[in-house]
Amino acid sequence: QRARLERVCRYALRPPVSQERLYVTDEGLVRLQLRQPWRNG
C-alpha cells in the first residue's frame, strides 16, 4: 500500500501552518482552524 504509506509520510513531514486553515477575522484577529476538534469541542 504505497499510496497510503505516502500519505503517512506527508503527515509526518507536513509544515506547521496551512493557508486553508488560517483566517483573519473582521476584528483583525487570527483564527486558526484545528485539524481535529479537541475533547471539549
PDB file of all heavy atoms in Angstrom:
ATOM      1  N   GLN A   1       0.847  -1.193   0.000  1.00  0.00           N
ATOM      2  CA  GLN A   1       0.000   0.000   0.000  1.00  0.00           C
ATOM      3  C   GLN A   1       0.884   1.246   0.000  1.00  0.00           C
ATOM      4  O   GLN A   1       0.967   1.986   0.984  1.00  0.00           O
ATOM      5  CB  GLN A   1      -0.940  -0.017   1.206  1.00  0.00           C
ATOM      6  CG  GLN A   1      -1.899  -1.184   1.218  1.00  0.00           C
ATOM      7  CD  GLN A   1      -2.930  -1.091   2.328  1.00  0.00           C
ATOM      8  OE1 GLN A   1      -3.089  -0.055   2.979  1.00  0.00           O
ATOM      9  NE2 GLN A   1      -3.662  -2.184   2.546  1.00  0.00           N
ATOM     10  N   ARG A   2       1.534   1.484  -1.127  1.00  0.00           N
ATOM     11  CA  ARG A   2       2.490   2.583  -1.216  1.00  0.00           C
ATOM     12  C   ARG A   2       1.799   3.940  -1.174  1.00  0.00           C
ATOM     13  O   ARG A   2       2.347   4.912  -0.634  1.00  0.00           O
ATOM     14  CB  ARG A   2       3.316   2.468  -2.500  1.00  0.00           C
ATOM     15  CG  ARG A   2       3.983   1.134  -2.697  1.00  0.00           C
ATOM     16  CD  ARG A   2       4.988   0.841  -1.593  1.00  0.00           C
ATOM     17  NE  ARG A   2       6.218   1.604  -1.765  1.00  0.00           N
ATOM     18  CZ  ARG A   2       7.264   1.496  -0.957  1.00  0.00           C
ATOM     19  NH1 ARG A   2       7.206   0.682   0.097  1.00  0.00           N
ATOM     20  NH2 ARG A   2       8.360   2.203  -1.177  1.00  0.00           N
ATOM     21  N   ALA A   3       0.602   4.047  -1.731  1.00  0.00           N
ATOM     22  CA  ALA A   3      -0.118   5.318  -1.689  1.00  0.00           C
ATOM     23  C   ALA A   3      -0.477   5.692  -0.257  1.00  0.00           C
ATOM     24  O   ALA A   3      -0.369   6.865   0.137  1.00  0.00           O
ATOM     25  CB  ALA A   3      -1.371   5.238  -2.553  1.00  0.00           C
ATOM     26  N   ARG A   4      -0.874   4.724   0.537  1.00  0.00           N
ATOM     27  CA  ARG A   4      -1.184   5.009   1.935  1.00  0.00           C
ATOM     28  C   ARG A   4       0.081   5.368   2.708  1.00  0.00           C
ATOM     29  O   ARG A   4       0.068   6.273   3.541  1.00  0.00           O
ATOM     30  CB  ARG A   4      -1.862   3.801   2.564  1.00  0.00           C
ATOM     31  CG  ARG A   4      -2.305   4.038   4.005  1.00  0.00           C
ATOM     32  CD  ARG A   4      -2.929   2.799   4.598  1.00  0.00           C
ATOM     33  NE  ARG A   4      -3.280   3.007   5.996  1.00  0.00           N
ATOM     34  CZ  ARG A   4      -3.679   2.035   6.811  1.00  0.00           C
ATOM     35  NH1 ARG A   4      -3.797   0.795   6.357  1.00  0.00           N
ATOM     36  NH2 ARG A   4      -3.955   2.294   8.079  1.00  0.00           N
ATOM     37  N   LEU A   5       1.173   4.670   2.441  1.00  0.00           N
ATOM     38  CA  LEU A   5       2.437   5.000   3.091  1.00  0.00           C
ATOM     39  C   LEU A   5       2.886   6.404   2.723  1.00  0.00           C
ATOM     40  O   LEU A   5       3.431   7.133   3.565  1.00  0.00           O
ATOM     41  CB  LEU A   5       3.503   3.978   2.698  1.00  0.00           C
ATOM     42  CG  LEU A   5       4.898   4.183   3.300  1.00  0.00           C
ATOM     43  CD1 LEU A   5       4.845   4.165   4.817  1.00  0.00           C
ATOM     44  CD2 LEU A   5       5.864   3.124   2.771  1.00  0.00           C
ATOM     45  N   GLU A   6       2.633   6.813   1.495  1.00  0.00           N
ATOM     46  CA  GLU A   6       2.988   8.177   1.087  1.00  0.00           C
ATOM     47  C   GLU A   6       2.169   9.201   1.870  1.00  0.00           C
ATOM     48  O   GLU A   6       2.691  10.255   2.252  1.00  0.00           O
ATOM     49  CB  GLU A   6       2.770   8.342  -0.418  1.00  0.00           C
ATOM     50  CG  GLU A   6       3.231   9.673  -0.960  1.00  0.00           C
ATOM     51  CD  GLU A   6       3.338   9.679  -2.470  1.00  0.00           C
ATOM     52  OE1 GLU A   6       3.163   8.617  -3.088  1.00  0.00           O
ATOM     53  OE2 GLU A   6       3.612  10.763  -3.042  1.00  0.00           O
ATOM     54  N   ARG A   7       0.911   8.923   2.122  1.00  0.00           N
ATOM     55  CA  ARG A   7       0.092   9.839   2.916  1.00  0.00           C
ATOM     56  C   ARG A   7       0.598   9.936   4.355  1.00  0.00           C
ATOM     57  O   ARG A   7       0.593  11.018   4.956  1.00  0.00           O
ATOM     58  CB  ARG A   7      -1.374   9.392   2.896  1.00  0.00           C
ATOM     59  CG  ARG A   7      -2.057   9.557   1.549  1.00  0.00           C
ATOM     60  CD  ARG A   7      -3.570   9.422   1.680  1.00  0.00           C
ATOM     61  NE  ARG A   7      -3.962   8.102   2.153  1.00  0.00           N
ATOM     62  CZ  ARG A   7      -4.234   7.078   1.362  1.00  0.00           C
ATOM     63  NH1 ARG A   7      -4.135   7.221   0.041  1.00  0.00           N
ATOM     64  NH2 ARG A   7      -4.601   5.916   1.860  1.00  0.00           N
ATOM     65  N   VAL A   8       1.044   8.820   4.909  1.00  0.00           N
ATOM     66  CA  VAL A   8       1.591   8.843   6.265  1.00  0.00           C
ATOM     67  C   VAL A   8       2.876   9.664   6.312  1.00  0.00           C
ATOM     68  O   VAL A   8       3.102  10.441   7.248  1.00  0.00           O
ATOM     69  CB  VAL A   8       1.831   7.397   6.757  1.00  0.00           C
ATOM     70  CG1 VAL A   8       2.543   7.403   8.110  1.00  0.00           C
ATOM     71  CG2 VAL A   8       0.511   6.650   6.871  1.00  0.00           C
ATOM     72  N   CYS A   9       3.726   9.505   5.308  1.00  0.00           N
ATOM     73  CA  CYS A   9       4.960  10.295   5.250  1.00  0.00           C
ATOM     74  C   CYS A   9       4.646  11.786   5.122  1.00  0.00           C
ATOM     75  O   CYS A   9       5.299  12.624   5.762  1.00  0.00           O
ATOM     76  CB  CYS A   9       5.827   9.838   4.084  1.00  0.00           C
ATOM     77  SG  CYS A   9       6.519   8.179   4.250  1.00  0.00           S
ATOM     78  N   ARG A  10       3.671  12.121   4.317  1.00  0.00           N
ATOM     79  CA  ARG A  10       3.292  13.528   4.174  1.00  0.00           C
ATOM     80  C   ARG A  10       2.790  14.099   5.488  1.00  0.00           C
ATOM     81  O   ARG A  10       3.071  15.249   5.826  1.00  0.00           O
ATOM     82  CB  ARG A  10       2.205  13.669   3.091  1.00  0.00           C
ATOM     83  CG  ARG A  10       2.716  13.510   1.672  1.00  0.00           C
ATOM     84  CD  ARG A  10       1.555  13.541   0.685  1.00  0.00           C
ATOM     85  NE  ARG A  10       2.027  13.447  -0.684  1.00  0.00           N
ATOM     86  CZ  ARG A  10       2.301  14.494  -1.451  1.00  0.00           C
ATOM     87  NH1 ARG A  10       2.137  15.707  -0.978  1.00  0.00           N
ATOM     88  NH2 ARG A  10       2.744  14.336  -2.679  1.00  0.00           N
ATOM     89  N   TYR A  11       2.043  13.298   6.222  1.00  0.00           N
ATOM     90  CA  TYR A  11       1.543  13.768   7.512  1.00  0.00           C
ATOM     91  C   TYR A  11       2.702  14.045   8.476  1.00  0.00           C
ATOM     92  O   TYR A  11       2.701  15.047   9.191  1.00  0.00           O
ATOM     93  CB  TYR A  11       0.593  12.734   8.105  1.00  0.00           C
ATOM     94  CG  TYR A  11       0.128  13.073   9.504  1.00  0.00           C
ATOM     95  CD1 TYR A  11      -0.870  14.017   9.717  1.00  0.00           C
ATOM     96  CD2 TYR A  11       0.691  12.442  10.614  1.00  0.00           C
ATOM     97  CE1 TYR A  11      -1.303  14.328  10.987  1.00  0.00           C
ATOM     98  CE2 TYR A  11       0.267  12.752  11.893  1.00  0.00           C
ATOM     99  CZ  TYR A  11      -0.730  13.693  12.076  1.00  0.00           C
ATOM    100  OH  TYR A  11      -1.133  14.006  13.346  1.00  0.00           O
ATOM    101  N   ALA A  12       3.677  13.167   8.505  1.00  0.00           N
ATOM    102  CA  ALA A  12       4.814  13.361   9.406  1.00  0.00           C
ATOM    103  C   ALA A  12       5.692  14.527   8.983  1.00  0.00           C
ATOM    104  O   ALA A  12       6.315  15.178   9.831  1.00  0.00           O
ATOM    105  CB  ALA A  12       5.644  12.076   9.479  1.00  0.00           C
ATOM    106  N   LEU A  13       5.750  14.824   7.685  1.00  0.00           N
ATOM    107  CA  LEU A  13       6.642  15.859   7.157  1.00  0.00           C
ATOM    108  C   LEU A  13       5.920  17.169   6.860  1.00  0.00           C
ATOM    109  O   LEU A  13       6.535  18.073   6.302  1.00  0.00           O
ATOM    110  CB  LEU A  13       7.313  15.354   5.873  1.00  0.00           C
ATOM    111  CG  LEU A  13       8.292  14.195   6.036  1.00  0.00           C
ATOM    112  CD1 LEU A  13       8.588  13.548   4.690  1.00  0.00           C
ATOM    113  CD2 LEU A  13       9.580  14.669   6.680  1.00  0.00           C
ATOM    114  N   ARG A  14       4.669  17.299   7.243  1.00  0.00           N
ATOM    115  CA  ARG A  14       3.887  18.469   6.862  1.00  0.00           C
ATOM    116  C   ARG A  14       4.437  19.738   7.525  1.00  0.00           C
ATOM    117  O   ARG A  14       5.038  19.680   8.607  1.00  0.00           O
ATOM    118  CB  ARG A  14       2.413  18.284   7.258  1.00  0.00           C
ATOM    119  CG  ARG A  14       2.168  18.318   8.755  1.00  0.00           C
ATOM    120  CD  ARG A  14       0.757  17.868   9.077  1.00  0.00           C
ATOM    121  NE  ARG A  14       0.415  18.075  10.474  1.00  0.00           N
ATOM    122  CZ  ARG A  14       0.718  17.245  11.451  1.00  0.00           C
ATOM    123  NH1 ARG A  14       1.415  16.140  11.182  1.00  0.00           N
ATOM    124  NH2 ARG A  14       0.363  17.512  12.695  1.00  0.00           N
ATOM    125  N   PRO A  15       4.222  20.907   6.911  1.00  0.00           N
ATOM    126  CA  PRO A  15       4.648  22.176   7.521  1.00  0.00           C
ATOM    127  C   PRO A  15       3.751  22.551   8.688  1.00  0.00           C
ATOM    128  O   PRO A  15       2.636  22.017   8.838  1.00  0.00           O
ATOM    129  CB  PRO A  15       4.530  23.177   6.366  1.00  0.00           C
ATOM    130  CG  PRO A  15       3.511  22.585   5.446  1.00  0.00           C
ATOM    131  CD  PRO A  15       3.665  21.105   5.557  1.00  0.00           C
ATOM    132  N   PRO A  16       4.186  23.486   9.542  1.00  0.00           N
ATOM    133  CA  PRO A  16       3.407  23.817  10.742  1.00  0.00           C
ATOM    134  C   PRO A  16       2.035  24.401  10.468  1.00  0.00           C
ATOM    135  O   PRO A  16       1.078  24.082  11.168  1.00  0.00           O
ATOM    136  CB  PRO A  16       4.303  24.823  11.480  1.00  0.00           C
ATOM    137  CG  PRO A  16       5.677  24.581  10.967  1.00  0.00           C
ATOM    138  CD  PRO A  16       5.498  24.154   9.551  1.00  0.00           C
ATOM    139  N   VAL A  17       1.927  25.295   9.466  1.00  0.00           N
ATOM    140  CA  VAL A  17       0.682  26.016   9.259  1.00  0.00           C
ATOM    141  C   VAL A  17       0.225  25.830   7.823  1.00  0.00           C
ATOM    142  O   VAL A  17       1.041  25.726   6.899  1.00  0.00           O
ATOM    143  CB  VAL A  17       0.861  27.516   9.576  1.00  0.00           C
ATOM    144  CG1 VAL A  17       1.853  28.170   8.646  1.00  0.00           C
ATOM    145  CG2 VAL A  17      -0.476  28.244   9.532  1.00  0.00           C
ATOM    146  N   SER A  18      -1.094  25.768   7.658  1.00  0.00           N
ATOM    147  CA  SER A  18      -1.696  25.630   6.338  1.00  0.00           C
ATOM    148  C   SER A  18      -2.540  26.863   6.044  1.00  0.00           C
ATOM    149  O   SER A  18      -3.302  27.326   6.910  1.00  0.00           O
ATOM    150  CB  SER A  18      -2.560  24.366   6.274  1.00  0.00           C
ATOM    151  OG  SER A  18      -3.301  24.309   5.075  1.00  0.00           O
ATOM    152  N   GLN A  19      -2.419  27.368   4.844  1.00  0.00           N
ATOM    153  CA  GLN A  19      -3.201  28.543   4.456  1.00  0.00           C
ATOM    154  C   GLN A  19      -4.698  28.253   4.477  1.00  0.00           C
ATOM    155  O   GLN A  19      -5.509  29.159   4.734  1.00  0.00           O
ATOM    156  CB  GLN A  19      -2.794  28.989   3.042  1.00  0.00           C
ATOM    157  CG  GLN A  19      -1.358  29.482   2.924  1.00  0.00           C
ATOM    158  CD  GLN A  19      -1.231  30.975   3.183  1.00  0.00           C
ATOM    159  OE1 GLN A  19      -1.999  31.545   3.953  1.00  0.00           O
ATOM    160  NE2 GLN A  19      -0.268  31.609   2.548  1.00  0.00           N
ATOM    161  N   GLU A  20      -5.084  27.015   4.224  1.00  0.00           N
ATOM    162  CA  GLU A  20      -6.504  26.686   4.171  1.00  0.00           C
ATOM    163  C   GLU A  20      -7.163  26.740   5.547  1.00  0.00           C
ATOM    164  O   GLU A  20      -8.390  26.809   5.645  1.00  0.00           O
ATOM    165  CB  GLU A  20      -6.707  25.292   3.561  1.00  0.00           C
ATOM    166  CG  GLU A  20      -6.448  25.204   2.065  1.00  0.00           C
ATOM    167  CD  GLU A  20      -4.973  25.254   1.723  1.00  0.00           C
ATOM    168  OE1 GLU A  20      -4.139  25.049   2.647  1.00  0.00           O
ATOM    169  OE2 GLU A  20      -4.626  25.502   0.559  1.00  0.00           O
ATOM    170  N   ARG A  21      -6.382  26.678   6.611  1.00  0.00           N
ATOM    171  CA  ARG A  21      -6.962  26.678   7.959  1.00  0.00           C
ATOM    172  C   ARG A  21      -6.698  27.989   8.691  1.00  0.00           C
ATOM    173  O   ARG A  21      -6.889  28.079   9.906  1.00  0.00           O
ATOM    174  CB  ARG A  21      -6.387  25.517   8.776  1.00  0.00           C
ATOM    175  CG  ARG A  21      -6.750  24.158   8.223  1.00  0.00           C
ATOM    176  CD  ARG A  21      -6.394  23.032   9.168  1.00  0.00           C
ATOM    177  NE  ARG A  21      -4.956  22.862   9.309  1.00  0.00           N
ATOM    178  CZ  ARG A  21      -4.280  23.099  10.426  1.00  0.00           C
ATOM    179  NH1 ARG A  21      -4.918  23.545  11.502  1.00  0.00           N
ATOM    180  NH2 ARG A  21      -2.982  22.906  10.487  1.00  0.00           N
ATOM    181  N   LEU A  22      -6.263  29.004   7.974  1.00  0.00           N
ATOM    182  CA  LEU A  22      -5.900  30.283   8.580  1.00  0.00           C
ATOM    183  C   LEU A  22      -6.810  31.374   8.049  1.00  0.00           C
ATOM    184  O   LEU A  22      -7.020  31.489   6.833  1.00  0.00           O
ATOM    185  CB  LEU A  22      -4.437  30.607   8.265  1.00  0.00           C
ATOM    186  CG  LEU A  22      -3.744  31.665   9.123  1.00  0.00           C
ATOM    187  CD1 LEU A  22      -3.679  31.204  10.571  1.00  0.00           C
ATOM    188  CD2 LEU A  22      -2.343  31.923   8.589  1.00  0.00           C
ATOM    189  N   TYR A  23      -7.364  32.183   8.957  1.00  0.00           N
ATOM    190  CA  TYR A  23      -8.283  33.245   8.585  1.00  0.00           C
ATOM    191  C   TYR A  23      -7.974  34.492   9.409  1.00  0.00           C
ATOM    192  O   TYR A  23      -7.489  34.407  10.533  1.00  0.00           O
ATOM    193  CB  TYR A  23      -9.742  32.833   8.818  1.00  0.00           C
ATOM    194  CG  TYR A  23     -10.127  31.502   8.226  1.00  0.00           C
ATOM    195  CD1 TYR A  23     -10.031  30.332   8.983  1.00  0.00           C
ATOM    196  CD2 TYR A  23     -10.573  31.399   6.919  1.00  0.00           C
ATOM    197  CE1 TYR A  23     -10.365  29.112   8.450  1.00  0.00           C
ATOM    198  CE2 TYR A  23     -10.922  30.170   6.374  1.00  0.00           C
ATOM    199  CZ  TYR A  23     -10.815  29.028   7.151  1.00  0.00           C
ATOM    200  OH  TYR A  23     -11.151  27.812   6.617  1.00  0.00           O
ATOM    201  N   VAL A  24      -8.283  35.648   8.832  1.00  0.00           N
ATOM    202  CA  VAL A  24      -8.207  36.922   9.544  1.00  0.00           C
ATOM    203  C   VAL A  24      -9.634  37.412   9.747  1.00  0.00           C
ATOM    204  O   VAL A  24     -10.375  37.618   8.772  1.00  0.00           O
ATOM    205  CB  VAL A  24      -7.376  37.955   8.766  1.00  0.00           C
ATOM    206  CG1 VAL A  24      -7.341  39.284   9.509  1.00  0.00           C
ATOM    207  CG2 VAL A  24      -5.953  37.450   8.547  1.00  0.00           C
ATOM    208  N   THR A  25     -10.035  37.585  10.985  1.00  0.00           N
ATOM    209  CA  THR A  25     -11.412  37.965  11.296  1.00  0.00           C
ATOM    210  C   THR A  25     -11.637  39.443  11.013  1.00  0.00           C
ATOM    211  O   THR A  25     -10.704  40.209  10.745  1.00  0.00           O
ATOM    212  CB  THR A  25     -11.724  37.662  12.764  1.00  0.00           C
ATOM    213  OG1 THR A  25     -10.915  38.508  13.600  1.00  0.00           O
ATOM    214  CG2 THR A  25     -11.419  36.204  13.087  1.00  0.00           C
ATOM    215  N   ASP A  26     -12.897  39.859  11.087  1.00  0.00           N
ATOM    216  CA  ASP A  26     -13.238  41.263  10.874  1.00  0.00           C
ATOM    217  C   ASP A  26     -12.631  42.168  11.940  1.00  0.00           C
ATOM    218  O   ASP A  26     -12.411  43.354  11.699  1.00  0.00           O
ATOM    219  CB  ASP A  26     -14.764  41.434  10.859  1.00  0.00           C
ATOM    220  CG  ASP A  26     -15.412  40.692   9.705  1.00  0.00           C
ATOM    221  OD1 ASP A  26     -14.712  40.443   8.700  1.00  0.00           O
ATOM    222  OD2 ASP A  26     -16.610  40.345   9.816  1.00  0.00           O
ATOM    223  N   GLU A  27     -12.357  41.610  13.119  1.00  0.00           N
ATOM    224  CA  GLU A  27     -11.723  42.395  14.185  1.00  0.00           C
ATOM    225  C   GLU A  27     -10.214  42.464  14.060  1.00  0.00           C
ATOM    226  O   GLU A  27      -9.536  43.058  14.902  1.00  0.00           O
ATOM    227  CB  GLU A  27     -12.093  41.806  15.555  1.00  0.00           C
ATOM    228  CG  GLU A  27     -13.567  41.857  15.902  1.00  0.00           C
ATOM    229  CD  GLU A  27     -14.335  40.732  15.241  1.00  0.00           C
ATOM    230  OE1 GLU A  27     -13.674  39.810  14.696  1.00  0.00           O
ATOM    231  OE2 GLU A  27     -15.587  40.768  15.251  1.00  0.00           O
ATOM    232  N   GLY A  28      -9.656  41.841  13.016  1.00  0.00           N
ATOM    233  CA  GLY A  28      -8.209  41.852  12.826  1.00  0.00           C
ATOM    234  C   GLY A  28      -7.479  40.765  13.584  1.00  0.00           C
ATOM    235  O   GLY A  28      -6.240  40.787  13.635  1.00  0.00           O
ATOM    236  N   LEU A  29      -8.185  39.804  14.155  1.00  0.00           N
ATOM    237  CA  LEU A  29      -7.567  38.698  14.872  1.00  0.00           C
ATOM    238  C   LEU A  29      -7.297  37.545  13.910  1.00  0.00           C
ATOM    239  O   LEU A  29      -7.854  37.472  12.810  1.00  0.00           O
ATOM    240  CB  LEU A  29      -8.461  38.233  16.018  1.00  0.00           C
ATOM    241  CG  LEU A  29      -8.793  39.295  17.073  1.00  0.00           C
ATOM    242  CD1 LEU A  29      -9.761  38.734  18.107  1.00  0.00           C
ATOM    243  CD2 LEU A  29      -7.522  39.811  17.733  1.00  0.00           C
ATOM    244  N   VAL A  30      -6.435  36.637  14.348  1.00  0.00           N
ATOM    245  CA  VAL A  30      -6.051  35.486  13.530  1.00  0.00           C
ATOM    246  C   VAL A  30      -6.767  34.258  14.073  1.00  0.00           C
ATOM    247  O   VAL A  30      -6.634  33.916  15.254  1.00  0.00           O
ATOM    248  CB  VAL A  30      -4.528  35.270  13.552  1.00  0.00           C
ATOM    249  CG1 VAL A  30      -4.152  34.066  12.699  1.00  0.00           C
ATOM    250  CG2 VAL A  30      -3.801  36.513  13.072  1.00  0.00           C
ATOM    251  N   ARG A  31      -7.516  33.611  13.221  1.00  0.00           N
ATOM    252  CA  ARG A  31      -8.264  32.411  13.609  1.00  0.00           C
ATOM    253  C   ARG A  31      -7.621  31.199  12.943  1.00  0.00           C
ATOM    254  O   ARG A  31      -7.531  31.129  11.714  1.00  0.00           O
ATOM    255  CB  ARG A  31      -9.726  32.530  13.190  1.00  0.00           C
ATOM    256  CG  ARG A  31     -10.581  31.311  13.546  1.00  0.00           C
ATOM    257  CD  ARG A  31     -11.983  31.469  12.981  1.00  0.00           C
ATOM    258  NE  ARG A  31     -12.793  30.288  13.206  1.00  0.00           N
ATOM    259  CZ  ARG A  31     -13.578  30.101  14.249  1.00  0.00           C
ATOM    260  NH1 ARG A  31     -13.667  31.048  15.177  1.00  0.00           N
ATOM    261  NH2 ARG A  31     -14.291  28.991  14.384  1.00  0.00           N
ATOM    262  N   LEU A  32      -7.171  30.249  13.758  1.00  0.00           N
ATOM    263  CA  LEU A  32      -6.552  29.024  13.268  1.00  0.00           C
ATOM    264  C   LEU A  32      -7.518  27.868  13.468  1.00  0.00           C
ATOM    265  O   LEU A  32      -7.856  27.516  14.602  1.00  0.00           O
ATOM    266  CB  LEU A  32      -5.238  28.754  14.006  1.00  0.00           C
ATOM    267  CG  LEU A  32      -4.513  27.455  13.644  1.00  0.00           C
ATOM    268  CD1 LEU A  32      -4.035  27.499  12.200  1.00  0.00           C
ATOM    269  CD2 LEU A  32      -3.351  27.198  14.586  1.00  0.00           C
ATOM    270  N   GLN A  33      -7.972  27.294  12.373  1.00  0.00           N
ATOM    271  CA  GLN A  33      -8.880  26.157  12.445  1.00  0.00           C
ATOM    272  C   GLN A  33      -8.088  24.898  12.776  1.00  0.00           C
ATOM    273  O   GLN A  33      -7.068  24.605  12.137  1.00  0.00           O
ATOM    274  CB  GLN A  33      -9.618  25.981  11.111  1.00  0.00           C
ATOM    275  CG  GLN A  33     -10.893  25.173  11.200  1.00  0.00           C
ATOM    276  CD  GLN A  33     -12.017  25.954  11.869  1.00  0.00           C
ATOM    277  OE1 GLN A  33     -11.962  27.179  11.949  1.00  0.00           O
ATOM    278  NE2 GLN A  33     -13.024  25.239  12.346  1.00  0.00           N
ATOM    279  N   LEU A  34      -8.522  24.158  13.757  1.00  0.00           N
ATOM    280  CA  LEU A  34      -7.825  22.945  14.180  1.00  0.00           C
ATOM    281  C   LEU A  34      -8.100  21.807  13.204  1.00  0.00           C
ATOM    282  O   LEU A  34      -9.190  21.704  12.628  1.00  0.00           O
ATOM    283  CB  LEU A  34      -8.264  22.540  15.582  1.00  0.00           C
ATOM    284  CG  LEU A  34      -8.031  23.582  16.689  1.00  0.00           C
ATOM    285  CD1 LEU A  34      -8.614  23.079  18.009  1.00  0.00           C
ATOM    286  CD2 LEU A  34      -6.550  23.884  16.839  1.00  0.00           C
ATOM    287  N   ARG A  35      -7.101  20.942  13.039  1.00  0.00           N
ATOM    288  CA  ARG A  35      -7.290  19.786  12.158  1.00  0.00           C
ATOM    289  C   ARG A  35      -8.325  18.822  12.740  1.00  0.00           C
ATOM    290  O   ARG A  35      -9.138  18.241  12.019  1.00  0.00           O
ATOM    291  CB  ARG A  35      -5.978  19.045  11.953  1.00  0.00           C
ATOM    292  CG  ARG A  35      -4.919  19.824  11.206  1.00  0.00           C
ATOM    293  CD  ARG A  35      -3.683  18.977  10.929  1.00  0.00           C
ATOM    294  NE  ARG A  35      -3.956  17.955   9.928  1.00  0.00           N
ATOM    295  CZ  ARG A  35      -4.127  16.679  10.201  1.00  0.00           C
ATOM    296  NH1 ARG A  35      -4.087  16.252  11.460  1.00  0.00           N
ATOM    297  NH2 ARG A  35      -4.353  15.801   9.245  1.00  0.00           N
ATOM    298  N   GLN A  36      -8.263  18.625  14.058  1.00  0.00           N
ATOM    299  CA  GLN A  36      -9.214  17.756  14.743  1.00  0.00           C
ATOM    300  C   GLN A  36      -9.782  18.505  15.948  1.00  0.00           C
ATOM    301  O   GLN A  36      -9.029  19.158  16.674  1.00  0.00           O
ATOM    302  CB  GLN A  36      -8.536  16.459  15.210  1.00  0.00           C
ATOM    303  CG  GLN A  36      -7.964  15.605  14.093  1.00  0.00           C
ATOM    304  CD  GLN A  36      -9.048  14.964  13.244  1.00  0.00           C
ATOM    305  OE1 GLN A  36     -10.201  14.847  13.678  1.00  0.00           O
ATOM    306  NE2 GLN A  36      -8.689  14.537  12.043  1.00  0.00           N
ATOM    307  N   PRO A  37     -11.084  18.445  16.188  1.00  0.00           N
ATOM    308  CA  PRO A  37     -11.653  19.114  17.377  1.00  0.00           C
ATOM    309  C   PRO A  37     -11.061  18.546  18.658  1.00  0.00           C
ATOM    310  O   PRO A  37     -10.741  17.354  18.747  1.00  0.00           O
ATOM    311  CB  PRO A  37     -13.150  18.825  17.264  1.00  0.00           C
ATOM    312  CG  PRO A  37     -13.372  18.463  15.827  1.00  0.00           C
ATOM    313  CD  PRO A  37     -12.117  17.809  15.362  1.00  0.00           C
ATOM    314  N   TRP A  38     -10.904  19.411  19.647  1.00  0.00           N
ATOM    315  CA  TRP A  38     -10.428  18.965  20.948  1.00  0.00           C
ATOM    316  C   TRP A  38     -11.538  18.245  21.695  1.00  0.00           C
ATOM    317  O   TRP A  38     -12.696  18.208  21.278  1.00  0.00           O
ATOM    318  CB  TRP A  38      -9.933  20.159  21.752  1.00  0.00           C
ATOM    319  CG  TRP A  38      -8.647  20.722  21.217  1.00  0.00           C
ATOM    320  CD1 TRP A  38      -7.825  20.149  20.288  1.00  0.00           C
ATOM    321  CD2 TRP A  38      -8.046  21.975  21.565  1.00  0.00           C
ATOM    322  NE1 TRP A  38      -6.740  20.951  20.039  1.00  0.00           N
ATOM    323  CE2 TRP A  38      -6.851  22.074  20.808  1.00  0.00           C
ATOM    324  CE3 TRP A  38      -8.387  23.001  22.434  1.00  0.00           C
ATOM    325  CZ2 TRP A  38      -6.015  23.180  20.912  1.00  0.00           C
ATOM    326  CZ3 TRP A  38      -7.556  24.102  22.544  1.00  0.00           C
ATOM    327  CH2 TRP A  38      -6.381  24.188  21.792  1.00  0.00           C
ATOM    328  N   ARG A  39     -11.176  17.675  22.831  1.00  0.00           N
ATOM    329  CA  ARG A  39     -12.151  16.891  23.591  1.00  0.00           C
ATOM    330  C   ARG A  39     -13.301  17.747  24.098  1.00  0.00           C
ATOM    331  O   ARG A  39     -14.411  17.245  24.308  1.00  0.00           O
ATOM    332  CB  ARG A  39     -11.460  16.202  24.769  1.00  0.00           C
ATOM    333  CG  ARG A  39     -10.470  15.112  24.339  1.00  0.00           C
ATOM    334  CD  ARG A  39      -9.874  14.414  25.542  1.00  0.00           C
ATOM    335  NE  ARG A  39      -8.954  13.362  25.129  1.00  0.00           N
ATOM    336  CZ  ARG A  39      -8.287  12.586  25.973  1.00  0.00           C
ATOM    337  NH1 ARG A  39      -8.447  12.748  27.279  1.00  0.00           N
ATOM    338  NH2 ARG A  39      -7.480  11.657  25.526  1.00  0.00           N
ATOM    339  N   ASN A  40     -13.050  19.037  24.334  1.00  0.00           N
ATOM    340  CA  ASN A  40     -14.128  19.913  24.802  1.00  0.00           C
ATOM    341  C   ASN A  40     -14.940  20.501  23.654  1.00  0.00           C
ATOM    342  O   ASN A  40     -15.776  21.363  23.872  1.00  0.00           O
ATOM    343  CB  ASN A  40     -13.560  21.036  25.663  1.00  0.00           C
ATOM    344  CG  ASN A  40     -12.617  21.948  24.870  1.00  0.00           C
ATOM    345  OD1 ASN A  40     -12.291  21.668  23.722  1.00  0.00           O
ATOM    346  ND2 ASN A  40     -12.188  23.028  25.497  1.00  0.00           N
ATOM    347  N   GLY A  41     -14.690  20.069  22.432  1.00  0.00           N
ATOM    348  CA  GLY A  41     -15.438  20.550  21.289  1.00  0.00           C
ATOM    349  C   GLY A  41     -14.846  21.750  20.592  1.00  0.00           C
ATOM    350  O   GLY A  41     -15.413  22.232  19.609  1.00  0.00           O
TER     351      GLY A  41
END
